[in-house]
Protein backbone atom coordinates (compact mmCIF):
# COMPACT_ATOMS: atom_id res chain seq x y z
CA MET A 1 -63.32 35.10 2.21
CA THR A 2 -62.88 38.74 1.62
CA ASN A 3 -59.65 40.57 2.46
CA LYS A 4 -61.42 42.30 5.51
CA GLN A 5 -62.64 38.96 6.78
CA ARG A 6 -59.31 37.49 6.38
CA THR A 7 -57.66 40.50 8.45
CA ASP A 8 -60.15 40.36 10.89
CA LEU A 9 -59.50 36.73 11.47
CA ILE A 10 -55.53 37.32 11.70
CA GLU A 11 -56.13 40.15 14.05
CA ARG A 12 -58.10 37.74 16.32
CA PHE A 13 -55.55 35.07 16.31
CA ILE A 14 -52.73 37.35 17.17
CA ARG A 15 -54.92 39.05 19.92
CA THR A 16 -55.24 35.41 21.36
CA HIS A 17 -51.74 34.10 20.97
CA LYS A 18 -49.84 37.31 21.14
CA TYR A 19 -47.35 36.46 18.26
CA ALA A 20 -47.76 34.63 14.85
CA ASP A 21 -45.24 33.80 12.25
CA LEU A 22 -46.07 34.22 8.57
CA ARG A 23 -46.36 30.55 7.68
CA THR A 24 -48.59 29.76 10.51
CA LEU A 25 -50.92 32.36 9.37
CA ALA A 26 -50.85 31.37 5.72
CA THR A 27 -51.57 27.94 6.54
CA ARG A 28 -54.28 28.55 9.11
CA PHE A 29 -56.29 31.08 6.72
CA ASP A 30 -55.54 29.30 3.41
CA SER A 31 -53.63 32.48 2.08
CA SER A 32 -50.41 33.29 0.26
CA LEU A 33 -47.37 34.75 2.25
CA SER A 34 -47.69 38.03 0.32
CA THR A 35 -51.37 38.20 1.35
CA VAL A 36 -50.63 37.60 5.00
CA ARG A 37 -47.91 40.37 4.75
CA ARG A 38 -50.46 42.96 3.53
CA ALA A 39 -52.93 42.01 6.09
CA LEU A 40 -50.09 42.44 8.92
CA ASP A 41 -49.11 45.70 7.22
CA GLN A 42 -52.68 47.10 7.71
CA LEU A 43 -52.89 45.97 11.35
CA GLU A 44 -49.61 47.47 12.06
CA ALA A 45 -50.86 50.81 10.41
CA LYS A 46 -53.72 50.76 12.91
CA GLY A 47 -51.37 50.28 15.97
CA ILE A 48 -52.57 46.83 16.62
CA VAL A 49 -49.50 44.84 15.83
CA ARG A 50 -45.78 45.16 15.61
CA ARG A 51 -44.15 43.48 12.50
CA HIS A 52 -41.08 41.58 12.95
CA HIS A 53 -38.97 39.55 10.57
CA GLY A 54 -41.30 36.41 9.71
CA GLY A 55 -44.20 37.53 11.75
CA ALA A 56 -45.82 40.09 14.08
CA SER A 57 -46.64 40.63 17.84
CA LEU A 58 -49.72 42.01 19.56
CA MET A 59 -48.61 45.84 20.44
CA GLU A 60 -50.01 45.13 23.90
CA THR A 61 -47.41 42.54 24.50
CA ASP A 62 -44.66 45.03 23.56
CA VAL A 63 -46.08 47.46 26.01
CA ILE A 64 -45.55 44.90 28.60
CA ALA A 65 -41.93 44.51 27.70
CA ARG A 66 -41.06 47.94 27.42
CA GLU A 67 -41.15 48.21 31.27
CA TYR A 68 -37.87 46.14 31.50
CA ASP A 69 -34.40 46.80 30.31
CA PHE A 70 -34.24 44.06 27.98
CA SER A 71 -37.10 45.53 26.02
CA SER A 72 -34.94 47.78 24.17
CA ARG A 73 -33.11 44.88 22.47
CA ASP A 74 -36.07 42.82 22.24
CA LEU A 75 -38.24 45.29 20.43
CA GLN A 76 -35.85 45.70 17.82
CA PHE A 77 -36.18 41.94 17.07
CA PRO A 78 -33.46 41.87 14.45
CA ASP A 79 -33.14 39.12 11.82
CA GLU A 80 -30.64 37.28 13.75
CA LYS A 81 -32.50 37.09 16.96
CA PHE A 82 -35.67 35.98 15.12
CA ALA A 83 -33.66 33.09 13.37
CA ILE A 84 -32.07 32.00 16.67
CA ALA A 85 -35.54 32.11 18.60
CA ASN A 86 -37.12 30.22 15.57
CA LEU A 87 -34.64 27.60 15.67
CA VAL A 88 -34.83 27.25 19.44
CA ALA A 89 -38.44 27.03 19.37
CA LYS A 90 -38.18 23.94 17.13
CA GLU A 91 -36.45 22.01 19.97
CA VAL A 92 -39.61 22.38 22.00
CA HIS A 93 -42.22 19.98 21.32
CA PRO A 94 -46.00 19.62 22.62
CA GLY A 95 -46.18 18.07 25.96
CA MET A 96 -42.87 19.22 27.18
CA THR A 97 -41.98 20.90 30.48
CA VAL A 98 -39.91 23.95 29.58
CA ILE A 99 -37.92 26.49 31.81
CA LEU A 100 -37.46 29.78 30.25
CA ASP A 101 -35.09 32.38 31.77
CA GLY A 102 -35.47 36.18 31.87
CA GLY A 103 -33.47 37.10 28.84
CA SER A 104 -34.77 38.97 25.60
CA THR A 105 -33.97 35.97 23.58
CA SER A 106 -35.91 33.53 25.76
CA TYR A 107 -38.80 36.09 25.52
CA ALA A 108 -38.55 35.89 21.79
CA VAL A 109 -38.62 32.01 22.13
CA ALA A 110 -41.75 32.27 24.39
CA ARG A 111 -43.62 34.16 21.68
CA LEU A 112 -43.28 31.28 19.36
CA LEU A 113 -44.36 28.67 21.78
CA VAL A 114 -47.70 30.20 22.47
CA ASP A 115 -49.54 27.56 20.08
CA LYS A 116 -48.10 24.55 21.71
CA ARG A 117 -49.37 22.60 24.44
CA LEU A 118 -46.76 23.08 27.34
CA GLN A 119 -45.90 23.38 30.92
CA VAL A 120 -43.73 26.42 31.38
CA ILE A 121 -41.64 27.28 34.45
CA THR A 122 -40.13 30.49 34.50
CA ASN A 123 -38.82 33.50 36.85
CA SER A 124 -39.71 36.13 34.16
CA LEU A 125 -42.54 38.44 34.64
CA PRO A 126 -42.94 39.28 31.00
CA VAL A 127 -42.82 35.60 29.83
CA ALA A 128 -45.43 34.78 32.68
CA SER A 129 -47.52 37.67 31.33
CA LEU A 130 -47.17 36.64 27.74
CA PHE A 131 -48.78 32.98 28.51
CA SER A 132 -51.19 34.29 30.95
CA ASP A 133 -54.05 34.25 28.60
CA VAL A 134 -52.75 31.24 26.66
CA GLY A 135 -55.04 28.25 27.41
CA SER A 136 -52.71 25.65 25.86
CA VAL A 137 -50.03 26.51 28.34
CA GLU A 138 -49.78 25.90 32.13
CA THR A 139 -47.42 28.44 33.50
CA ILE A 140 -45.32 28.14 36.85
CA ILE A 141 -43.79 31.32 38.01
CA THR A 142 -41.12 31.04 40.68
CA GLY A 143 -40.94 32.95 43.97
CA GLY A 144 -38.17 35.15 44.88
CA THR A 145 -37.29 38.94 44.99
CA ILE A 146 -38.63 40.77 42.08
CA TYR A 147 -36.01 43.03 40.16
CA ASN A 148 -38.06 45.47 38.45
CA ARG A 149 -35.19 46.69 36.10
CA LEU A 150 -34.76 43.16 34.86
CA GLY A 151 -38.17 41.91 35.02
CA VAL A 152 -37.45 38.66 36.93
CA ALA A 153 -37.61 36.97 40.28
CA LEU A 154 -34.23 36.07 41.93
CA GLY A 155 -32.68 35.10 45.07
CA PRO A 156 -32.95 32.13 47.35
CA MET A 157 -36.61 31.47 47.03
CA CYS A 158 -36.23 31.43 43.32
CA GLU A 159 -33.40 29.02 43.39
CA GLU A 160 -35.04 26.75 45.72
CA ALA A 161 -38.18 26.50 43.62
CA PHE A 162 -35.90 25.42 40.55
CA ALA A 163 -34.39 22.90 42.76
CA GLN A 164 -37.82 21.28 43.43
CA VAL A 165 -38.92 20.77 39.85
CA HIS A 166 -37.82 18.80 36.77
CA ALA A 167 -37.97 19.98 33.05
CA ASP A 168 -37.35 18.45 29.74
CA ILE A 169 -35.52 21.31 28.45
CA ALA A 170 -34.05 24.67 29.72
CA VAL A 171 -33.89 27.75 27.50
CA LEU A 172 -31.33 30.45 28.56
CA GLY A 173 -29.28 33.24 27.32
CA GLY A 174 -26.05 34.77 28.29
CA ALA A 175 -24.02 37.99 28.31
CA GLY A 176 -21.09 36.37 26.44
CA ILE A 177 -19.41 33.08 25.28
CA THR A 178 -15.74 32.34 25.28
CA GLU A 179 -13.88 28.94 25.14
CA ASN A 180 -14.43 28.88 29.01
CA GLY A 181 -18.17 28.59 28.62
CA ILE A 182 -21.16 30.91 29.16
CA TRP A 183 -20.86 34.21 31.02
CA ASN A 184 -23.42 36.42 32.73
CA HIS A 185 -23.37 39.97 34.44
CA ASN A 186 -25.42 39.33 37.48
CA ALA A 187 -24.47 36.73 40.34
CA LEU A 188 -28.11 36.25 41.18
CA ILE A 189 -29.04 35.40 37.61
CA VAL A 190 -26.22 32.99 37.35
CA ALA A 191 -27.22 31.10 40.53
CA ALA A 192 -30.64 30.96 39.28
CA GLN A 193 -29.38 29.77 35.69
CA ARG A 194 -27.35 27.01 37.33
CA ARG A 195 -30.50 25.65 39.09
CA MET A 196 -32.33 25.68 35.77
CA ILE A 197 -29.59 23.77 34.07
CA ALA A 198 -29.58 21.22 37.04
CA ALA A 199 -33.45 20.97 36.74
CA ALA A 200 -33.52 20.34 33.15
CA GLU A 201 -32.77 17.11 31.06
CA ARG A 202 -30.80 19.42 28.62
CA SER A 203 -30.26 22.99 27.96
CA VAL A 204 -30.41 25.30 24.85
CA PHE A 205 -28.45 28.54 24.88
CA ALA A 206 -29.49 31.22 22.59
CA LEU A 207 -26.67 33.54 21.97
CA ASP A 208 -26.16 36.03 18.99
CA ASN A 209 -22.78 36.91 17.58
CA SER A 210 -22.48 40.04 19.56
CA LYS A 211 -21.78 37.81 22.61
CA PHE A 212 -18.95 36.08 21.09
CA GLY A 213 -15.47 36.74 22.97
CA ARG A 214 -17.23 38.61 25.61
CA LYS A 215 -16.70 37.77 29.18
CA ALA A 216 -18.91 39.17 32.20
CA ILE A 217 -18.38 39.10 35.92
CA ASN A 218 -19.48 35.59 36.34
CA LEU A 219 -18.93 32.37 34.44
CA ALA A 220 -22.39 30.82 34.56
CA THR A 221 -21.25 27.41 33.31
CA ALA A 222 -18.68 25.60 31.34
CA PHE A 223 -19.89 23.60 28.25
CA ASP A 224 -21.53 20.31 28.95
CA PRO A 225 -22.63 17.28 26.82
CA ARG A 226 -26.29 18.32 27.66
CA PHE A 227 -26.08 21.70 26.08
CA THR A 228 -27.02 22.97 22.87
CA ILE A 229 -25.55 26.44 21.56
CA VAL A 230 -27.71 28.12 18.85
CA THR A 231 -26.17 31.10 17.10
CA ASP A 232 -26.33 32.93 14.06
CA THR A 233 -22.69 32.87 13.01
CA GLN A 234 -19.72 30.45 13.49
CA PRO A 235 -17.86 31.32 16.59
CA GLN A 236 -14.15 31.63 16.74
CA PRO A 237 -12.23 28.53 16.34
CA PRO A 238 -11.39 28.28 20.03
CA VAL A 239 -14.98 28.36 21.15
CA VAL A 240 -15.93 25.83 18.47
CA LYS A 241 -13.15 23.29 19.59
CA ALA A 242 -14.12 23.81 23.54
CA ILE A 243 -17.96 23.10 22.44
CA ARG A 244 -16.78 20.02 20.51
CA ASP A 245 -14.35 18.84 23.15
CA ALA A 246 -17.23 19.06 25.71
CA ARG A 247 -19.35 16.94 23.31
CA ALA A 248 -22.11 19.86 23.31
CA ARG A 249 -23.97 20.70 20.05
CA LEU A 250 -23.45 23.71 18.12
CA VAL A 251 -26.24 24.82 15.76
CA LEU A 252 -26.22 27.77 13.28
CA ALA A 253 -29.42 29.59 12.60
CA HIS A 254 -29.62 30.90 9.12
CA LYS A 255 -31.56 34.32 8.46
């Protein structure tokens, strides 16, 4: 296989799946990681993909994300966020029903799930758009009032939709984490997240270290034995103790 043929195949794969990590591409196209990196560099130079730590996403996907406030954080896709998203994605197995909220880290996790056979339930417009052309994923989007700035559907119709479903796992974010639990800014987001948590067998919260010690206007939830908290740095001792006392899991992602 020539370098051009390999690059063309990688381009086709990313156009189909929207995102791919280096190891998946290397395995699929029987190439070294350095060869895949060079191919992605070429595709980025042409404006086809955007490189991230450990992989690349289709530029069109980033255009969709740019419409929403979370995108300025999402498009930076720092090493910490990728490490967290990668670990959360490993909690999701083919055949699962997965709830994904509208946060930027949940969107990063969604990019890593496009190759798995899943049923996804979401109130996030960017997440739904990401999966719209992925044949292996059945996507259910809730009703509700669309908040364009946030890119999510919220309100009573959204909450009722989540009250009517069951999922194996929910993937959620938050604005802050303290010994009291997980905090978020918007009361409507918190109401939707509480319904997501109730609908899922277990919930995984993806929170980078910038959320440590931060409170927002609403306490979304206290810690629970069904929770897994995935972050990139050990939280402060009172938070670690509160998580352990609640018999929740704390998992550290390494860059």
